[in-house]
C-alpha atoms as a PDB file:
ATOM      1  CA  MET A   1      48.142  26.325 -13.985  1.00  0.00           C
ATOM      2  CA  LYS A   2      47.470  23.413 -12.302  1.00  0.00           C
ATOM      3  CA  ARG A   3      50.980  22.874 -11.955  1.00  0.00           C
ATOM      4  CA  TYR A   4      51.842  26.504 -10.465  1.00  0.00           C
ATOM      5  CA  LEU A   5      48.205  25.975  -8.296  1.00  0.00           C
ATOM      6  CA  ALA A   6      49.472  23.275  -7.054  1.00  0.00           C
ATOM      7  CA  ALA A   7      52.650  25.070  -5.059  1.00  0.00           C
ATOM      8  CA  VAL A   8      50.067  27.586  -3.293  1.00  0.00           C
ATOM      9  CA  ILE A   9      47.634  25.118  -2.235  1.00  0.00           C
ATOM     10  CA  GLY A  10      46.046  25.226   0.911  1.00  0.00           C
ATOM     11  CA  LEU A  11      45.410  22.588   3.784  1.00  0.00           C
ATOM     12  CA  THR A  12      43.552  20.130   1.163  1.00  0.00           C
ATOM     13  CA  LEU A  13      42.945  21.537  -1.946  1.00  0.00           C
ATOM     14  CA  LEU A  14      44.342  22.993  -5.248  1.00  0.00           C
ATOM     15  CA  LEU A  15      43.745  26.985  -4.560  1.00  0.00           C
ATOM     16  CA  SER A  16      41.306  28.583  -7.847  1.00  0.00           C
ATOM     17  CA  ASN A  17      43.547  31.690  -7.530  1.00  0.00           C
ATOM     18  CA  PHE A  18      46.539  32.308  -6.111  1.00  0.00           C
ATOM     19  CA  VAL A  19      46.547  34.030  -2.481  1.00  0.00           C
ATOM     20  CA  SER A  20      49.495  34.786  -0.385  1.00  0.00           C
ATOM     21  CA  PRO A  21      50.230  31.446   1.735  1.00  0.00           C
ATOM     22  CA  VAL A  22      48.706  31.373   5.175  1.00  0.00           C
ATOM     23  CA  ALA A  23      48.635  28.335   8.012  1.00  0.00           C
ATOM     24  CA  ASN A  24      45.395  26.994   8.409  1.00  0.00           C
ATOM     25  CA  ALA A  25      43.228  25.324  11.319  1.00  0.00           C
ATOM     26  CA  GLY A  26      40.425  23.628   9.319  1.00  0.00           C
ATOM     27  CA  LEU A  27      36.340  23.872   9.265  1.00  0.00           C
ATOM     28  CA  ASN A  28      34.968  24.660  12.709  1.00  0.00           C
ATOM     29  CA  ALA A  29      38.146  23.180  14.416  1.00  0.00           C
ATOM     30  CA  GLU A  30      38.650  23.934  17.792  1.00  0.00           C
ATOM     31  CA  ILE A  31      41.344  26.051  19.845  1.00  0.00           C
ATOM     32  CA  ASP A  32      44.016  23.689  20.794  1.00  0.00           C
ATOM     33  CA  THR A  33      47.365  24.596  22.970  1.00  0.00           C
ATOM     34  CA  THR A  34      48.175  20.898  24.132  1.00  0.00           C
ATOM     35  CA  ASN A  35      50.992  20.454  21.500  1.00  0.00           C
ATOM     36  CA  PRO A  36      53.718  22.501  22.793  1.00  0.00           C
ATOM     37  CA  ARG A  37      55.616  23.039  19.656  1.00  0.00           C
ATOM     38  CA  VAL A  38      53.224  24.379  17.114  1.00  0.00           C
ATOM     39  CA  VAL A  39      54.571  27.778  16.166  1.00  0.00           C
ATOM     40  CA  PRO A  40      53.537  30.804  13.897  1.00  0.00           C
ATOM     41  CA  VAL A  41      55.661  31.905  11.303  1.00  0.00           C
ATOM     42  CA  TYR A  42      56.264  35.634  10.096  1.00  0.00           C
ATOM     43  CA  GLY A  43      57.670  36.876   6.809  1.00  0.00           C
ATOM     44  CA  SER A  44      58.838  40.575   6.680  1.00  0.00           C
ATOM     45  CA  SER A  45      60.468  42.631   3.825  1.00  0.00           C
ATOM     46  CA  ILE A  46      63.503  43.881   5.824  1.00  0.00           C
ATOM     47  CA  GLU A  47      66.093  42.049   8.410  1.00  0.00           C
ATOM     48  CA  ALA A  48      64.346  43.154  11.497  1.00  0.00           C
ATOM     49  CA  PRO A  49      61.008  41.676  12.936  1.00  0.00           C
ATOM     50  CA  PRO A  50      57.440  42.753  12.341  1.00  0.00           C
ATOM     51  CA  ASN A  51      56.145  45.435  14.233  1.00  0.00           C
ATOM     52  CA  SER A  52      52.554  45.510  12.912  1.00  0.00           C
ATOM     53  CA  GLY A  53      49.382  43.446  12.298  1.00  0.00           C
ATOM     54  CA  ASP A  54      48.229  40.071  13.632  1.00  0.00           C
ATOM     55  CA  GLN A  55      48.333  37.563  11.710  1.00  0.00           C
ATOM     56  CA  ALA A  56      50.906  34.950  10.983  1.00  0.00           C
ATOM     57  CA  SER A  57      52.249  34.242   7.187  1.00  0.00           C
ATOM     58  CA  PHE A  58      51.992  30.761   7.997  1.00  0.00           C
ATOM     59  CA  SER A  59      52.942  27.566  10.367  1.00  0.00           C
ATOM     60  CA  GLY A  60      56.035  25.975  11.256  1.00  0.00           C
ATOM     61  CA  PHE A  61      56.962  22.840  13.932  1.00  0.00           C
ATOM     62  CA  LEU A  62      59.747  23.417  16.113  1.00  0.00           C
ATOM     63  CA  TYR A  63      61.328  20.477  15.916  1.00  0.00           C
ATOM     64  CA  SER A  64      64.152  20.482  18.558  1.00  0.00           C
ATOM     65  CA  SER A  65      65.353  24.532  20.433  1.00  0.00           C
ATOM     66  CA  ARG A  66      66.415  25.977  16.799  1.00  0.00           C
ATOM     67  CA  ILE A  67      65.028  23.941  14.206  1.00  0.00           C
ATOM     68  CA  VAL A  68      61.909  24.092  12.826  1.00  0.00           C
ATOM     69  CA  PHE A  69      59.895  21.741   9.907  1.00  0.00           C
ATOM     70  CA  SER A  70      57.293  23.527   7.714  1.00  0.00           C
ATOM     71  CA  ALA A  71      56.111  22.883   4.001  1.00  0.00           C
ATOM     72  CA  ALA A  72      58.468  24.124   1.233  1.00  0.00           C
ATOM     73  CA  HIS A  73      55.158  25.818  -1.022  1.00  0.00           C
ATOM     74  CA  SER A  74      55.111  28.494   1.439  1.00  0.00           C
ATOM     75  CA  GLU A  75      57.451  30.003   0.220  1.00  0.00           C
ATOM     76  CA  TYR A  76      58.356  28.215  -3.070  1.00  0.00           C
ATOM     77  CA  PHE A  77      56.290  27.318  -6.372  1.00  0.00           C
ATOM     78  CA  LEU A  78      57.003  24.466  -8.769  1.00  0.00           C
ATOM     79  CA  ASP A  79      57.547  25.467 -12.959  1.00  0.00           C
ATOM     80  CA  SER A  80      56.972  23.078 -15.511  1.00  0.00           C
ATOM     81  CA  GLN A  81      60.529  22.247 -15.615  1.00  0.00           C
ATOM     82  CA  ASN A  82      59.510  21.135 -11.390  1.00  0.00           C
ATOM     83  CA  ASN A  83      62.663  24.074 -11.332  1.00  0.00           C
ATOM     84  CA  LYS A  84      61.499  26.085  -7.634  1.00  0.00           C
ATOM     85  CA  VAL A  85      60.658  29.502  -7.748  1.00  0.00           C
ATOM     86  CA  ASN A  86      60.861  31.484  -4.552  1.00  0.00           C
ATOM     87  CA  PHE A  87      57.832  34.304  -4.044  1.00  0.00           C
ATOM     88  CA  GLY A  88      58.186  34.243  -0.124  1.00  0.00           C
ATOM     89  CA  SER A  89      58.920  37.424   2.280  1.00  0.00           C
ATOM     90  CA  LYS A  90      63.324  37.232   2.370  1.00  0.00           C
ATOM     91  CA  TYR A  91      62.886  37.617   5.976  1.00  0.00           C
ATOM     92  CA  HIS A  92      61.113  35.076   7.860  1.00  0.00           C
ATOM     93  CA  PHE A  93      60.702  35.122  11.887  1.00  0.00           C
ATOM     94  CA  ILE A  94      59.177  32.404  13.848  1.00  0.00           C
ATOM     95  CA  GLY A  95      57.088  32.816  17.832  1.00  0.00           C
ATOM     96  CA  LYS A  96      56.933  31.568  20.419  1.00  0.00           C
ATOM     97  CA  PRO A  97      54.494  27.795  20.495  1.00  0.00           C
ATOM     98  CA  ASN A  98      51.197  28.164  20.623  1.00  0.00           C
ATOM     99  CA  SER A  99      51.672  32.442  20.887  1.00  0.00           C
ATOM    100  CA  ILE A 100      48.544  34.849  20.070  1.00  0.00           C
ATOM    101  CA  ALA A 101      49.291  35.214  16.466  1.00  0.00           C
ATOM    102  CA  GLY A 102      50.630  38.907  16.279  1.00  0.00           C
ATOM    103  CA  ASP A 103      52.459  38.494  19.242  1.00  0.00           C
ATOM    104  CA  TYR A 104      56.027  39.192  18.630  1.00  0.00           C
ATOM    105  CA  SER A 105      57.735  39.109  21.832  1.00  0.00           C
ATOM    106  CA  GLY A 106      60.314  36.613  22.053  1.00  0.00           C
ATOM    107  CA  LEU A 107      60.382  35.969  18.229  1.00  0.00           C
ATOM    108  CA  VAL A 108      63.760  34.504  16.408  1.00  0.00           C
ATOM    109  CA  ARG A 109      65.016  35.056  12.256  1.00  0.00           C
ATOM    110  CA  VAL A 110      65.426  32.304  10.563  1.00  0.00           C
ATOM    111  CA  GLU A 111      68.865  32.037   9.336  1.00  0.00           C
ATOM    112  CA  LYS A 112      68.696  29.078   7.208  1.00  0.00           C
ATOM    113  CA  LYS A 113      66.470  27.014   5.236  1.00  0.00           C
ATOM    114  CA  PHE A 114      67.036  23.305   3.942  1.00  0.00           C
ATOM    115  CA  ILE A 115      64.367  22.286   1.264  1.00  0.00           C
ATOM    116  CA  SER A 116      63.438  18.717   0.171  1.00  0.00           C
ATOM    117  CA  LYS A 117      65.559  17.846  -2.487  1.00  0.00           C
ATOM    118  CA  THR A 118      62.219  15.983  -3.443  1.00  0.00           C
ATOM    119  CA  TYR A 119      59.708  18.396  -3.710  1.00  0.00           C
ATOM    120  CA  ARG A 120      58.181  18.628  -6.808  1.00  0.00           C
ATOM    121  CA  TYR A 121      54.626  18.119  -8.340  1.00  0.00           C
ATOM    122  CA  ASP A 122      53.211  14.957 -10.284  1.00  0.00           C
ATOM    123  CA  GLY A 123      49.513  15.490 -10.861  1.00  0.00           C
ATOM    124  CA  ALA A 124      49.608  16.442  -6.617  1.00  0.00           C
ATOM    125  CA  ALA A 125      52.275  18.482  -4.683  1.00  0.00           C
ATOM    126  CA  LEU A 126      54.588  16.509  -3.676  1.00  0.00           C
ATOM    127  CA  GLY A 127      57.697  16.106  -1.019  1.00  0.00           C
ATOM    128  CA  ASP A 128      56.493  19.414   0.279  1.00  0.00           C
ATOM    129  CA  PHE A 129      58.727  20.021   3.269  1.00  0.00           C
ATOM    130  CA  VAL A 130      61.236  22.207   4.540  1.00  0.00           C
ATOM    131  CA  VAL A 131      63.523  22.711   7.299  1.00  0.00           C
ATOM    132  CA  TYR A 132      64.222  26.084   8.435  1.00  0.00           C
ATOM    133  CA  VAL A 133      67.275  27.228  10.959  1.00  0.00           C
ATOM    134  CA  LEU A 134      66.941  29.836  13.460  1.00  0.00           C
ATOM    135  CA  GLU A 135      69.873  32.036  14.565  1.00  0.00           C
ATOM    136  CA  LYS A 136      69.278  31.396  18.287  1.00  0.00           C
ATOM    137  CA  ASP A 137      67.456  29.049  20.664  1.00  0.00           C
ATOM    138  CA  LEU A 138      63.828  29.907  20.350  1.00  0.00           C
ATOM    139  CA  ILE A 139      63.598  27.744  23.317  1.00  0.00           C
ATOM    140  CA  GLN A 140      65.281  24.842  25.751  1.00  0.00           C
ATOM    141  CA  ALA A 141      63.575  22.051  24.145  1.00  0.00           C
ATOM    142  CA  PRO A 142      64.632  18.596  22.799  1.00  0.00           C
ATOM    143  CA  PRO A 143      64.450  16.750  19.903  1.00  0.00           C
ATOM    144  CA  VAL A 144      61.055  15.424  19.400  1.00  0.00           C
ATOM    145  CA  LYS A 145      60.414  12.215  17.875  1.00  0.00           C
ATOM    146  CA  LEU A 146      59.982  11.072  14.364  1.00  0.00           C
ATOM    147  CA  LEU A 147      58.011   8.763  12.334  1.00  0.00           C
ATOM    148  CA  THR A 148      59.827   5.876  10.906  1.00  0.00           C
ATOM    149  CA  PRO A 149      57.698   3.364   8.004  1.00  0.00           C
ATOM    150  CA  GLU A 150      57.402   0.730  11.296  1.00  0.00           C
ATOM    151  CA  LEU A 151      55.695   3.394  13.437  1.00  0.00           C
ATOM    152  CA  GLU A 152      53.466   3.947  10.522  1.00  0.00           C
ATOM    153  CA  THR A 153      52.171   0.710   9.911  1.00  0.00           C
ATOM    154  CA  LEU A 154      51.604   1.030  13.551  1.00  0.00           C
ATOM    155  CA  ILE A 155      49.908   4.202  14.124  1.00  0.00           C
ATOM    156  CA  ARG A 156      47.576   3.863  10.858  1.00  0.00           C
ATOM    157  CA  GLU A 157      46.333  -0.671  11.723  1.00  0.00           C
ATOM    158  CA  SER A 158      45.519   0.501  15.172  1.00  0.00           C
ATOM    159  CA  LYS A 159      43.925   3.573  14.245  1.00  0.00           C
ATOM    160  CA  THR A 160      45.421   5.700  16.562  1.00  0.00           C
ATOM    161  CA  PRO A 161      43.792   9.322  16.709  1.00  0.00           C
ATOM    162  CA  ILE A 162      46.245  11.907  14.656  1.00  0.00           C
ATOM    163  CA  LYS A 163      45.829  15.525  14.772  1.00  0.00           C
ATOM    164  CA  MET A 164      46.525  18.797  12.854  1.00  0.00           C
ATOM    165  CA  HIS A 165      47.738  21.431  14.280  1.00  0.00           C
ATOM    166  CA  GLY A 166      47.610  25.127  12.122  1.00  0.00           C
ATOM    167  CA  TYR A 167      47.305  29.148  12.409  1.00  0.00           C
ATOM    168  CA  GLY A 168      44.557  30.536   9.672  1.00  0.00           C
ATOM    169  CA  GLU A 169      40.912  30.393   8.735  1.00  0.00           C
ATOM    170  CA  TYR A 170      38.463  27.671  10.529  1.00  0.00           C
ATOM    171  CA  GLN A 171      35.434  29.269   9.250  1.00  0.00           C
ATOM    172  CA  ASP A 172      33.078  28.677   5.957  1.00  0.00           C
ATOM    173  CA  ARG A 173      33.543  30.934   3.340  1.00  0.00           C
ATOM    174  CA  CYS A 174      30.283  30.589   1.499  1.00  0.00           C
ATOM    175  CA  GLN A 175      27.534  32.639   1.878  1.00  0.00           C
ATOM    176  CA  GLU A 176      23.821  31.097   1.801  1.00  0.00           C
ATOM    177  CA  GLY A 177      23.147  30.377  -1.515  1.00  0.00           C
ATOM    178  CA  GLU A 178      26.918  31.210  -2.751  1.00  0.00           C
ATOM    179  CA  LYS A 179      28.515  28.623  -5.577  1.00  0.00           C
ATOM    180  CA  LEU A 180      31.705  27.697  -4.796  1.00  0.00           C
ATOM    181  CA  PRO A 181      34.341  28.604  -4.694  1.00  0.00           C
ATOM    182  CA  CYS A 182      33.639  31.255  -2.184  1.00  0.00           C
ATOM    183  CA  SER A 183      34.865  34.567  -2.142  1.00  0.00           C
ATOM    184  CA  TYR A 184      37.905  35.101   0.847  1.00  0.00           C
ATOM    185  CA  LYS A 185      37.053  36.693   3.730  1.00  0.00           C
ATOM    186  CA  TYR A 186      39.886  36.885   5.551  1.00  0.00           C
ATOM    187  CA  LYS A 187      38.771  34.367   8.909  1.00  0.00           C
ATOM    188  CA  LYS A 188      41.505  33.192  10.513  1.00  0.00           C
ATOM    189  CA  THR A 189      42.224  32.481  14.267  1.00  0.00           C
ATOM    190  CA  ASN A 190      44.945  33.878  16.431  1.00  0.00           C
ATOM    191  CA  LEU A 191      45.424  30.710  18.406  1.00  0.00           C
ATOM    192  CA  PRO A 192      46.657  27.452  16.545  1.00  0.00           C
ATOM    193  CA  ARG A 193      43.385  25.151  16.142  1.00  0.00           C
ATOM    194  CA  THR A 194      43.038  21.499  15.612  1.00  0.00           C
ATOM    195  CA  LEU A 195      41.622  18.776  13.416  1.00  0.00           C
ATOM    196  CA  THR A 196      41.634  14.745  14.189  1.00  0.00           C
ATOM    197  CA  THR A 197      41.603  11.902  12.143  1.00  0.00           C
ATOM    198  CA  ILE A 198      43.498   8.545  11.513  1.00  0.00           C
ATOM    199  CA  LEU A 199      45.818   7.167   8.508  1.00  0.00           C
ATOM    200  CA  ARG A 200      44.272   5.292   5.962  1.00  0.00           C
ATOM    201  CA  THR A 201      45.461   3.320   3.307  1.00  0.00           C
ATOM    202  CA  LEU A 202      45.935   4.882  -0.414  1.00  0.00           C
ATOM    203  CA  GLU A 203      43.295   2.126  -1.047  1.00  0.00           C
ATOM    204  CA  GLU A 204      41.096   3.116   1.343  1.00  0.00           C
ATOM    205  CA  ALA A 205      40.905   6.787   0.623  1.00  0.00           C
ATOM    206  CA  GLU A 206      40.312   6.103  -3.121  1.00  0.00           C
ATOM    207  CA  ASN A 207      37.199   3.908  -2.191  1.00  0.00           C
ATOM    208  CA  ILE A 208      35.784   6.758  -0.099  1.00  0.00           C
ATOM    209  CA  VAL A 209      35.846   9.010  -3.054  1.00  0.00           C
ATOM    210  CA  GLY A 210      35.473   7.039  -5.997  1.00  0.00           C
ATOM    211  CA  TYR A 211      38.857   8.164  -8.296  1.00  0.00           C
ATOM    212  CA  LYS A 212      42.151   7.105  -8.279  1.00  0.00           C
ATOM    213  CA  ARG A 213      45.538   9.036  -7.619  1.00  0.00           C
ATOM    214  CA  PRO A 214      48.345   7.024  -7.627  1.00  0.00           C
ATOM    215  CA  GLN A 215      51.181   9.761  -7.800  1.00  0.00           C
ATOM    216  CA  LEU A 216      50.375   9.512  -3.855  1.00  0.00           C
ATOM    217  CA  VAL A 217      51.329   5.618  -3.030  1.00  0.00           C
ATOM    218  CA  ASP A 218      54.334   7.232  -0.923  1.00  0.00           C
ATOM    219  CA  SER A 219      52.507   9.654   0.942  1.00  0.00           C
ATOM    220  CA  LEU A 220      50.652   9.800   4.512  1.00  0.00           C
ATOM    221  CA  ILE A 221      46.751   9.440   3.365  1.00  0.00           C
ATOM    222  CA  MET A 222      44.303  11.000   5.820  1.00  0.00           C
ATOM    223  CA  ASN A 223      40.482  11.533   5.240  1.00  0.00           C
ATOM    224  CA  ASN A 224      38.028  13.482   8.060  1.00  0.00           C
ATOM    225  CA  GLY A 225      34.858  12.668   6.031  1.00  0.00           C
ATOM    226  CA  LYS A 226      32.756  15.536   3.693  1.00  0.00           C
ATOM    227  CA  THR A 227      34.125  18.057   4.598  1.00  0.00           C
ATOM    228  CA  GLY A 228      37.766  17.302   4.205  1.00  0.00           C
ATOM    229  CA  PHE A 229      41.078  17.615   6.533  1.00  0.00           C
ATOM    230  CA  GLY A 230      40.770  21.508   7.083  1.00  0.00           C
ATOM    231  CA  CYS A 231      40.632  24.947   5.060  1.00  0.00           C
ATOM    232  CA  GLY A 232      42.690  26.674   1.963  1.00  0.00           C
ATOM    233  CA  GLY A 233      45.551  28.570   2.798  1.00  0.00           C
ATOM    234  CA  ASP A 234      48.020  26.267   4.789  1.00  0.00           C
ATOM    235  CA  SER A 235      51.601  25.983   4.918  1.00  0.00           C
ATOM    236  CA  GLY A 236      53.267  24.240   7.362  1.00  0.00           C
ATOM    237  CA  GLY A 237      51.399  23.077  10.491  1.00  0.00           C
ATOM    238  CA  SER A 238      51.921  19.568  11.769  1.00  0.00           C
ATOM    239  CA  VAL A 239      50.914  16.467  12.135  1.00  0.00           C
ATOM    240  CA  THR A 240      51.181  14.655  15.330  1.00  0.00           C
ATOM    241  CA  THR A 241      50.276  11.626  17.335  1.00  0.00           C
ATOM    242  CA  THR A 242      50.834  10.511  20.814  1.00  0.00           C
ATOM    243  CA  TYR A 243      51.447   7.116  20.735  1.00  0.00           C
ATOM    244  CA  LYS A 244      52.378   4.952  23.742  1.00  0.00           C
ATOM    245  CA  GLY A 245      52.305   8.186  25.890  1.00  0.00           C
ATOM    246  CA  GLU A 246      54.876  10.436  23.440  1.00  0.00           C
ATOM    247  CA  LEU A 247      54.061  12.868  20.869  1.00  0.00           C
ATOM    248  CA  ILE A 248      55.541  11.701  17.420  1.00  0.00           C
ATOM    249  CA  TYR A 249      56.275  14.331  14.768  1.00  0.00           C
ATOM    250  CA  LEU A 250      54.758  12.772  11.032  1.00  0.00           C
ATOM    251  CA  SER A 251      54.540  15.303   8.719  1.00  0.00           C
ATOM    252  CA  THR A 252      53.426  18.764   7.969  1.00  0.00           C
ATOM    253  CA  THR A 253      49.643  19.520   7.529  1.00  0.00           C
ATOM    254  CA  PRO A 254      48.339  17.946   4.657  1.00  0.00           C
ATOM    255  CA  ASN A 255      47.872  18.813   0.814  1.00  0.00           C
ATOM    256  CA  GLY A 256      45.275  17.741  -0.760  1.00  0.00           C
ATOM    257  CA  MET A 257      42.926  17.412  -3.688  1.00  0.00           C
ATOM    258  CA  ASN A 258      38.972  17.964  -4.079  1.00  0.00           C
ATOM    259  CA  GLY A 259      38.156  18.799  -0.641  1.00  0.00           C
ATOM    260  CA  TYR A 260      35.617  21.198   0.564  1.00  0.00           C
ATOM    261  CA  ALA A 261      38.345  23.414   2.479  1.00  0.00           C
ATOM    262  CA  CYS A 262      36.124  25.893   4.406  1.00  0.00           C
ATOM    263  CA  GLY A 263      34.218  26.691   0.568  1.00  0.00           C
ATOM    264  CA  ALA A 264      37.533  27.632  -1.373  1.00  0.00           C
ATOM    265  CA  SER A 265      37.645  24.849  -3.682  1.00  0.00           C
ATOM    266  CA  GLY A 266      36.628  24.674  -7.178  1.00  0.00           C
ATOM    267  CA  ASP A 267      36.663  21.023  -7.584  1.00  0.00           C
ATOM    268  CA  HIS A 268      34.862  19.802  -4.361  1.00  0.00           C
ATOM    269  CA  ASP A 269      34.641  15.520  -5.214  1.00  0.00           C
ATOM    270  CA  GLY A 270      31.323  16.012  -2.152  1.00  0.00           C
ATOM    271  CA  LYS A 271      33.323  13.516  -0.745  1.00  0.00           C
ATOM    272  CA  GLY A 272      35.880  15.276   1.330  1.00  0.00           C
ATOM    273  CA  GLY A 273      38.848  14.784  -1.177  1.00  0.00           C
ATOM    274  CA  ILE A 274      42.227  12.669  -0.439  1.00  0.00           C
ATOM    275  CA  ASN A 275      44.820  14.929   1.790  1.00  0.00           C
ATOM    276  CA  TYR A 276      47.620  13.515   1.383  1.00  0.00           C
ATOM    277  CA  ALA A 277      51.362  14.471   3.284  1.00  0.00           C
ATOM    278  CA  SER A 278      55.122  13.736   2.916  1.00  0.00           C
ATOM    279  CA  ALA A 279      55.810  11.795   5.735  1.00  0.00           C
ATOM    280  CA  VAL A 280      58.691  13.130   7.513  1.00  0.00           C
ATOM    281  CA  TYR A 281      61.324   9.713   7.171  1.00  0.00           C
ATOM    282  CA  MET A 282      61.554  10.873   3.562  1.00  0.00           C
ATOM    283  CA  HIS A 283      63.778  13.737   4.437  1.00  0.00           C
ATOM    284  CA  MET A 284      66.286  12.616   7.371  1.00  0.00           C
ATOM    285  CA  ASP A 285      69.234  13.760   4.401  1.00  0.00           C
ATOM    286  CA  VAL A 286      68.096  17.633   5.320  1.00  0.00           C
ATOM    287  CA  ILE A 287      67.380  17.117   8.773  1.00  0.00           C
ATOM    288  CA  LYS A 288      70.237  15.853   9.211  1.00  0.00           C
ATOM    289  CA  GLU A 289      72.224  18.673   7.667  1.00  0.00           C
ATOM    290  CA  ALA A 290      70.033  21.224   8.953  1.00  0.00           C
ATOM    291  CA  GLU A 291      71.536  19.366  12.452  1.00  0.00           C
ATOM    292  CA  ASP A 292      74.849  19.595  11.351  1.00  0.00           C
ATOM    293  CA  TYR A 293      74.404  23.165  10.727  1.00  0.00           C
ATOM    294  CA  VAL A 294      73.831  23.862  14.272  1.00  0.00           C
ATOM    295  CA  ALA A 295      75.890  21.129  15.628  1.00  0.00           C
ATOM    296  CA  ALA A 296      78.990  23.556  14.035  1.00  0.00           C
ATOM    297  CA  ALA A 297      76.840  27.360  15.000  1.00  0.00           C
ATOM    298  CA  LEU A 298      76.805  25.911  19.029  1.00  0.00           C
ATOM    299  CA  ALA A 299      80.637  24.896  18.718  1.00  0.00           C
ATOM    300  CA  ARG A 300      81.808  28.387  17.082  1.00  0.00           C
ATOM    301  CA  GLU A 301      79.602  29.626  19.895  1.00  0.00           C
ATOM    302  CA  ALA A 302      80.801  27.500  22.918  1.00  0.00           C
ATOM    303  CA  ALA A 303      84.643  28.591  21.275  1.00  0.00           C
ATOM    304  CA  VAL A 304      84.159  32.248  21.680  1.00  0.00           C
ATOM    305  CA  LYS A 305      82.313  31.881  25.036  1.00  0.00           C
ATOM    306  CA  ALA A 306      85.966  30.112  25.873  1.00  0.00           C
ATOM    307  CA  GLU A 307      87.932  32.993  23.638  1.00  0.00           C
ATOM    308  CA  ALA A 308      86.146  35.729  25.415  1.00  0.00           C
ATOM    309  CA  LYS A 309      86.676  34.391  29.598  1.00  0.00           C
ATOM    310  CA  PRO A 310      89.223  36.301  31.677  1.00  0.00           C
ATOM    311  CA  THR A 311      92.121  33.938  32.399  1.00  0.00           C
ATOM    312  CA  PRO A 312      92.637  33.996  36.538  1.00  0.00           C
ATOM    313  CA  SER A 313      95.523  35.402  38.616  1.00  0.00           C
ATOM    314  CA  PRO A 314      97.895  32.982  39.341  1.00  0.00           C
ATOM    315  CA  THR A 315      97.631  31.697  42.518  1.00  0.00           C
ATOM    316  CA  LYS A 316     100.198  33.101  45.092  1.00  0.00           C
ATOM    317  CA  ALA A 317     101.680  30.488  47.707  1.00  0.00           C
ATOM    318  CA  ALA A 318      99.785  31.409  51.114  1.00  0.00           C
ATOM    319  CA  PRO A 319     103.084  32.359  53.783  1.00  0.00           C
ATOM    320  CA  LEU A 320     103.631  29.881  55.984  1.00  0.00           C
ATOM    321  CA  PRO A 321     102.424  30.869  59.684  1.00  0.00           C
ATOM    322  CA  SER A 322     104.927  31.748  62.059  1.00  0.00           C
ATOM    323  CA  LYS A 323     106.051  30.262  64.856  1.00  0.00           C
ATOM    324  CA  LYS A 324     105.838  32.130  68.258  1.00  0.00           C
ATOM    325  CA  PRO A 325     108.456  31.732  70.557  1.00  0.00           C
ATOM    326  CA  VAL A 326     106.890  28.980  74.243  1.00  0.00           C
ATOM    327  CA  ILE A 327     108.728  30.569  77.162  1.00  0.00           C
ATOM    328  CA  CYS A 328     109.586  28.479  79.197  1.00  0.00           C
ATOM    329  CA  VAL A 329     109.939  28.727  83.126  1.00  0.00           C
ATOM    330  CA  LYS A 330     112.145  27.222  85.915  1.00  0.00           C
ATOM    331  CA  GLY A 331     111.530  28.483  89.786  1.00  0.00           C
ATOM    332  CA  LYS A 332     111.946  32.215  88.933  1.00  0.00           C
ATOM    333  CA  THR A 333     114.393  32.450  85.417  1.00  0.00           C
ATOM    334  CA  THR A 334     112.524  32.336  82.428  1.00  0.00           C
ATOM    335  CA  LYS A 335     113.901  31.350  78.592  1.00  0.00           C
ATOM    336  CA  LYS A 336     112.267  32.055  75.186  1.00  0.00           C
ATOM    337  CA  VAL A 337     112.821  29.081  72.711  1.00  0.00           C
ATOM    338  CA  ALA A 338     111.328  28.665  69.156  1.00  0.00           C
ATOM    339  CA  THR A 339     110.213  25.588  69.703  1.00  0.00           C
ATOM    340  CA  LEU A 340     106.848  24.569  70.701  1.00  0.00           C
ATOM    341  CA  LYS A 341     107.198  23.144  73.990  1.00  0.00           C
ATOM    342  CA  CYS A 342     109.280  22.772  76.665  1.00  0.00           C
ATOM    343  CA  ILE A 343     112.645  20.809  77.040  1.00  0.00           C
ATOM    344  CA  LYS A 344     113.598  19.308  80.443  1.00  0.00           C
ATOM    345  CA  LYS A 345     116.933  18.759  81.230  1.00  0.00           C
END
């Protein structure tokens, strides 16, 4: 049961029962549209874009004009043999960055998915990453700089603030006197919201909560106090930072364990739990596959345009200007000659 729940976890916890994954902003998070690449993701049972409703299914991050990063658990859970089992919508569409949830203008369909080859369950949902390729450009957007192991060390040691962005729940589920886990009240945002924290070492986080989680040794670790780093239901938003004036993508919004998650957690440790995410540099293989797929698509599109371009008509040589005769006058006698000047004799 725990293996199944880990695959459909929200932002910071293992849910006690299955709910359709939705993107999430975090407890008391404020609306923040300063991240130019946060996008809503919509599911549909038919190939046509959705035409009703006002909520995103989950979140994503626009890496480049037609490549979006998100979380694998938004569509796939892991069975007892770590096989990926799809439970998501048949089709997905991406909304414009920072658009209001339910604003379907400019939606673009997901054409291809590249799922992390390391997505698995080992006491935690690890390698939780997916790359979506769109059928056309969402907007014109150059690739964003991606986290490297070297940058990770610099960002963590300098305590540079990192931000989690996403659409979804942001208010406490619990009424006064209600015991955890509290009932789902569908309080989601219509614009992306953000929480801010810093990267930590696993040892630092373990010292805060008082227990060990060795399976997270290769994960990005973050912690945001007693309430944790967000709420139940997130899928695929972004963790980013601005380092030396440049936007850097670190990972999808973190998974977690033993957090509060807006009151949805049944195993809250009272200290905020451990939030963890799979660093983007662990997934350069599938990102490369997606980039190659886009490059091939662009080449095909260019070839089709070239074939459709009309062939210009052969250029006809312009006729040479005719030479008008020159009239030479000598006394009362005139004579027309074809030369350009009169010749004295």
